[in-house]
Protein backbone atom coordinates (compact mmCIF):
# COMPACT_ATOMS: atom_id res chain seq x y z
CA MET A 1 -126.97 46.95 -106.16
CA SER A 2 -128.44 43.62 -106.71
CA GLU A 3 -131.75 43.01 -107.99
CA SER A 4 -132.83 41.05 -105.10
CA VAL A 5 -134.44 43.49 -102.60
CA ILE A 6 -134.95 40.79 -99.90
CA THR A 7 -132.86 37.81 -99.66
CA VAL A 8 -133.60 34.99 -96.96
CA GLU A 9 -130.74 32.58 -96.48
CA ALA A 10 -131.44 29.45 -94.65
CA VAL A 11 -133.02 31.28 -91.55
CA MET A 12 -133.96 29.20 -88.58
CA LYS A 13 -136.01 30.22 -85.44
CA ARG A 14 -136.66 28.03 -82.28
CA TYR A 15 -138.79 28.63 -79.32
CA GLY A 16 -137.76 26.03 -76.73
CA HIS A 17 -138.42 22.78 -78.25
CA VAL A 18 -140.61 24.40 -81.26
CA VAL A 19 -139.04 25.06 -84.45
CA ALA A 20 -141.18 27.89 -85.89
CA VAL A 21 -139.06 28.52 -89.13
CA ASP A 22 -136.74 25.63 -90.33
CA ASP A 23 -134.14 26.52 -92.96
CA VAL A 24 -136.09 28.60 -95.12
CA THR A 25 -134.45 30.22 -98.15
CA LEU A 26 -136.20 32.63 -100.59
CA SER A 27 -135.33 35.80 -102.73
CA ILE A 28 -137.58 38.61 -103.91
CA PRO A 29 -136.44 40.77 -106.57
CA ARG A 30 -137.69 44.29 -107.59
CA GLY A 31 -140.99 44.56 -109.06
CA GLN A 32 -142.37 41.25 -107.80
CA VAL A 33 -145.17 40.26 -105.56
CA TYR A 34 -144.69 37.40 -103.44
CA GLY A 35 -147.53 35.53 -101.68
CA LEU A 36 -146.60 33.91 -98.37
CA VAL A 37 -149.31 31.44 -97.23
CA GLY A 38 -149.93 28.67 -94.79
CA ALA A 39 -152.22 27.36 -92.25
CA ASN A 40 -152.18 29.06 -88.75
CA GLY A 41 -148.85 28.20 -86.98
CA ALA A 42 -147.00 27.34 -90.14
CA GLY A 43 -144.33 30.03 -89.43
CA LYS A 44 -145.48 32.81 -91.97
CA SER A 45 -145.54 35.72 -89.18
CA THR A 46 -142.23 34.51 -87.59
CA LEU A 47 -140.60 34.58 -90.96
CA ILE A 48 -142.22 38.03 -91.64
CA ARG A 49 -140.89 39.30 -88.26
CA MET A 50 -137.29 38.26 -89.22
CA ILE A 51 -137.60 39.70 -92.51
CA VAL A 52 -138.48 43.16 -91.00
CA GLY A 53 -135.83 42.81 -88.23
CA ILE A 54 -138.09 42.69 -85.45
CA THR A 55 -137.11 39.05 -84.60
CA GLU A 56 -133.50 37.74 -84.88
CA PRO A 57 -133.04 34.46 -86.57
CA ASP A 58 -131.36 31.66 -84.47
CA ALA A 59 -129.30 30.83 -87.80
CA GLY A 60 -129.03 32.08 -91.27
CA ARG A 61 -129.43 35.71 -92.44
CA VAL A 62 -131.73 38.30 -94.16
CA ILE A 63 -130.64 40.80 -96.42
CA VAL A 64 -132.44 43.82 -97.48
CA CYS A 65 -131.35 46.15 -100.38
CA ASP A 66 -127.77 44.58 -99.93
CA GLU A 67 -127.59 45.23 -95.94
CA ASP A 68 -127.51 42.32 -93.57
CA LEU A 69 -130.41 43.00 -91.10
CA ALA A 70 -128.07 41.63 -88.42
CA ASN A 71 -125.94 44.82 -88.61
CA ARG A 72 -128.94 46.88 -87.36
CA ALA A 73 -128.34 49.68 -89.51
CA PRO A 74 -131.12 52.38 -89.11
CA ALA A 75 -131.14 53.20 -92.84
CA THR A 76 -132.01 49.40 -93.63
CA LYS A 77 -135.21 49.68 -91.70
CA ARG A 78 -136.07 52.72 -93.87
CA HIS A 79 -136.20 50.38 -96.94
CA LEU A 80 -139.12 48.47 -95.52
CA GLY A 81 -142.77 49.41 -95.17
CA TYR A 82 -144.32 46.88 -92.71
CA LEU A 83 -148.13 46.12 -91.71
CA PRO A 84 -148.13 43.58 -88.85
CA GLU A 85 -151.12 41.46 -88.62
CA GLU A 86 -151.80 42.77 -84.82
CA LEU A 87 -151.94 46.42 -85.04
CA ILE A 88 -150.67 48.46 -81.92
CA PHE A 89 -151.34 52.18 -81.91
CA TYR A 90 -150.82 55.03 -79.56
CA GLU A 91 -154.63 55.34 -78.91
CA GLN A 92 -154.44 59.09 -77.80
CA LEU A 93 -153.01 60.15 -81.00
CA THR A 94 -155.37 61.19 -84.01
CA GLY A 95 -154.73 59.42 -87.38
CA ASP A 96 -152.96 62.58 -88.57
CA GLU A 97 -150.63 62.70 -85.65
CA TYR A 98 -149.98 59.04 -85.85
CA LEU A 99 -148.72 59.34 -89.63
CA HIS A 100 -146.54 62.25 -88.78
CA LEU A 101 -144.90 60.39 -86.06
CA VAL A 102 -144.36 57.24 -88.55
CA ALA A 103 -143.05 59.78 -91.02
CA GLY A 104 -140.53 61.06 -88.63
CA LEU A 105 -139.44 57.59 -87.52
CA LYS A 106 -138.87 56.46 -91.16
CA GLU A 107 -137.56 60.00 -92.16
CA ALA A 108 -140.10 60.08 -94.81
CA ASP A 109 -141.73 63.29 -96.40
CA PRO A 110 -144.59 64.25 -94.38
CA SER A 111 -146.13 66.08 -97.24
CA THR A 112 -147.40 62.61 -98.81
CA ILE A 113 -149.53 62.11 -95.68
CA PRO A 114 -152.73 63.95 -96.96
CA GLU A 115 -152.55 61.86 -100.04
CA GLU A 116 -152.44 58.56 -98.28
CA LEU A 117 -155.17 59.68 -95.93
CA ASP A 118 -157.11 60.30 -99.18
CA PHE A 119 -156.37 57.10 -100.91
CA PHE A 120 -157.37 55.16 -97.87
CA GLU A 121 -160.38 57.16 -97.19
CA LEU A 122 -159.45 58.49 -93.78
CA SER A 123 -159.37 62.18 -94.34
CA PRO A 124 -162.86 62.64 -92.71
CA PHE A 125 -161.35 60.90 -89.61
CA LYS A 126 -157.84 62.34 -89.54
CA ASP A 127 -158.40 64.51 -86.46
CA LYS A 128 -160.29 61.45 -84.49
CA LEU A 129 -158.40 59.51 -81.80
CA VAL A 130 -157.05 56.44 -83.18
CA GLY A 131 -158.71 54.71 -80.03
CA GLY A 132 -162.06 55.27 -81.62
CA TYR A 133 -161.13 53.83 -84.86
CA SER A 134 -162.96 50.80 -86.22
CA LEU A 135 -161.10 47.73 -87.12
CA GLY A 136 -161.16 48.56 -90.91
CA MET A 137 -160.09 52.15 -90.10
CA ARG A 138 -157.33 50.74 -88.02
CA LYS A 139 -156.04 48.44 -90.93
CA LYS A 140 -156.34 51.23 -93.39
CA LEU A 141 -154.25 53.46 -91.15
CA GLY A 142 -151.72 50.72 -90.91
CA LEU A 143 -151.42 50.46 -94.59
CA ALA A 144 -151.13 54.14 -94.97
CA ALA A 145 -148.12 54.15 -92.46
CA ALA A 146 -146.58 51.15 -94.35
CA MET A 147 -146.69 53.15 -97.67
CA LEU A 148 -145.07 56.36 -96.27
CA GLY A 149 -141.77 56.95 -97.70
CA SER A 150 -141.99 54.92 -100.96
CA PRO A 151 -140.10 52.03 -99.40
CA ASP A 152 -138.28 49.57 -101.43
CA ALA A 153 -140.24 46.67 -99.92
CA LEU A 154 -143.62 46.27 -98.61
CA VAL A 155 -144.18 43.54 -96.12
CA LEU A 156 -147.99 43.09 -95.46
CA ASP A 157 -149.26 40.61 -93.13
CA GLU A 158 -153.01 39.68 -93.50
CA PRO A 159 -153.74 43.16 -95.08
CA LEU A 160 -157.34 42.42 -96.03
CA ASN A 161 -158.78 41.64 -92.67
CA GLY A 162 -161.39 44.48 -91.87
CA LEU A 163 -161.53 45.90 -95.42
CA ASP A 164 -164.78 46.01 -97.41
CA VAL A 165 -164.69 44.78 -101.18
CA GLU A 166 -164.18 48.19 -102.50
CA MET A 167 -161.16 48.89 -100.43
CA MET A 168 -159.69 45.29 -101.30
CA ARG A 169 -159.87 46.15 -105.02
CA LYS A 170 -158.22 49.75 -104.24
CA LEU A 171 -155.50 48.00 -102.39
CA ARG A 172 -154.98 45.41 -105.14
CA LEU A 173 -154.52 48.10 -107.72
CA ARG A 174 -152.27 50.01 -105.32
CA ILE A 175 -150.09 47.03 -104.80
CA GLU A 176 -150.06 46.56 -108.71
CA THR A 177 -148.87 50.18 -108.96
CA GLU A 178 -146.03 49.75 -106.32
CA ARG A 179 -144.80 46.56 -108.29
CA SER A 180 -144.73 48.49 -111.55
CA GLU A 181 -142.48 51.18 -109.80
CA GLY A 182 -140.00 48.38 -108.95
CA ARG A 183 -140.85 47.54 -105.27
CA ALA A 184 -140.90 44.05 -103.90
CA VAL A 185 -143.95 43.14 -101.89
CA ILE A 186 -144.47 40.28 -99.58
CA ILE A 187 -148.34 39.45 -98.92
CA SER A 188 -149.35 37.06 -96.20
CA SER A 189 -153.05 36.30 -96.54
CA HIS A 190 -155.62 33.50 -95.91
CA VAL A 191 -157.60 34.82 -99.04
CA MET A 192 -156.26 32.49 -101.76
CA SER A 193 -158.27 34.00 -104.66
CA PHE A 194 -156.46 37.18 -103.82
CA ILE A 195 -153.30 35.75 -103.60
CA GLU A 196 -153.54 33.97 -106.88
CA ARG A 197 -154.66 37.30 -108.67
CA ILE A 198 -151.88 39.52 -107.14
CA ALA A 199 -148.82 37.32 -106.62
CA ASP A 200 -146.06 36.76 -109.20
CA ARG A 201 -144.88 33.92 -107.03
CA VAL A 202 -146.12 32.08 -104.11
CA GLY A 203 -144.56 30.48 -101.24
CA ILE A 204 -146.34 27.66 -99.08
CA MET A 205 -145.23 27.09 -95.53
CA ARG A 206 -146.04 24.01 -93.33
CA PHE A 207 -144.55 23.41 -89.89
CA GLY A 208 -141.92 26.23 -90.37
CA ARG A 209 -140.57 24.88 -93.69
CA LEU A 210 -141.12 26.11 -97.12
CA VAL A 211 -142.90 23.23 -98.82
CA ALA A 212 -143.55 24.65 -102.27
CA GLU A 213 -142.81 27.60 -104.34
CA GLY A 214 -143.58 28.82 -107.76
CA THR A 215 -146.03 31.01 -109.85
CA PRO A 216 -149.90 30.38 -109.14
CA ALA A 217 -149.75 28.35 -112.72
CA GLU A 218 -146.81 26.37 -111.79
CA LEU A 219 -148.41 25.33 -108.41
CA ARG A 220 -151.65 24.49 -110.31
CA ALA A 221 -149.70 22.38 -112.75
CA GLN A 222 -147.87 20.63 -109.98
CA THR A 223 -151.14 19.54 -108.43
CA GLY A 224 -153.13 18.93 -111.61
CA LEU A 225 -155.91 21.25 -110.19
CA VAL A 226 -156.34 23.44 -113.29
CA ASP A 227 -159.92 24.77 -112.72
CA GLU A 228 -160.53 24.19 -109.04
CA PRO A 229 -160.44 27.13 -106.42
CA PHE A 230 -156.77 28.05 -105.77
CA GLU A 231 -157.28 27.19 -101.98
CA ASP A 232 -157.61 23.55 -103.19
CA VAL A 233 -154.07 23.84 -104.66
CA PHE A 234 -152.88 25.17 -101.17
CA PHE A 235 -154.78 22.35 -99.36
CA GLN A 236 -153.04 19.83 -101.51
CA LEU A 237 -149.38 21.32 -101.28
CA ALA A 238 -149.68 22.10 -97.72
CA GLY A 239 -150.86 18.66 -96.62
């Protein structure tokens, strides 16, 4: 098995005359956090949906744990834990029931569900219908679902929305733990300070293309912005 958990090879996605993702190539090895950033409409979410197998690329391919996603092997999806930006739940299920459903679909051990409920501070609400959850509770439930089964890769699209500062810190520490255990993590977020702190490498997208890539320190050196906020580095490289 190769060290690369996720390999994206020259993928392209077009919607009519609009090229959403244009010839993007990247590789994420075990034990690395990759920050994917860009303005709205840059192509981040489309790329992420191709990485997790929801959207098929028009060209190129995505390989997860040495398996081409185009083969649609059910086992390949079990390597992935995915948090979409727009969360959709079965509103008439309780939080506990929803996680048991996800565990069954992922063939994950359901005995870890109480641990995830505790970590994301949802235990007091586990028997409450998801339809009554607040934005923050829904985000935490989505994160708990993504973590189930200890997947080889975590793909988190805007994981911070709706979280308070304490939970943001807990999530950062959890991601660092997942990295230390050899998982690959992709995080897409508009919170540049969080990305700089957590990401080993950062990819910046603009108009569907990957226009810059490197460690946060390398991107700072490339722009000459050593002491300014990381968002200034982003703005310069993203044009």
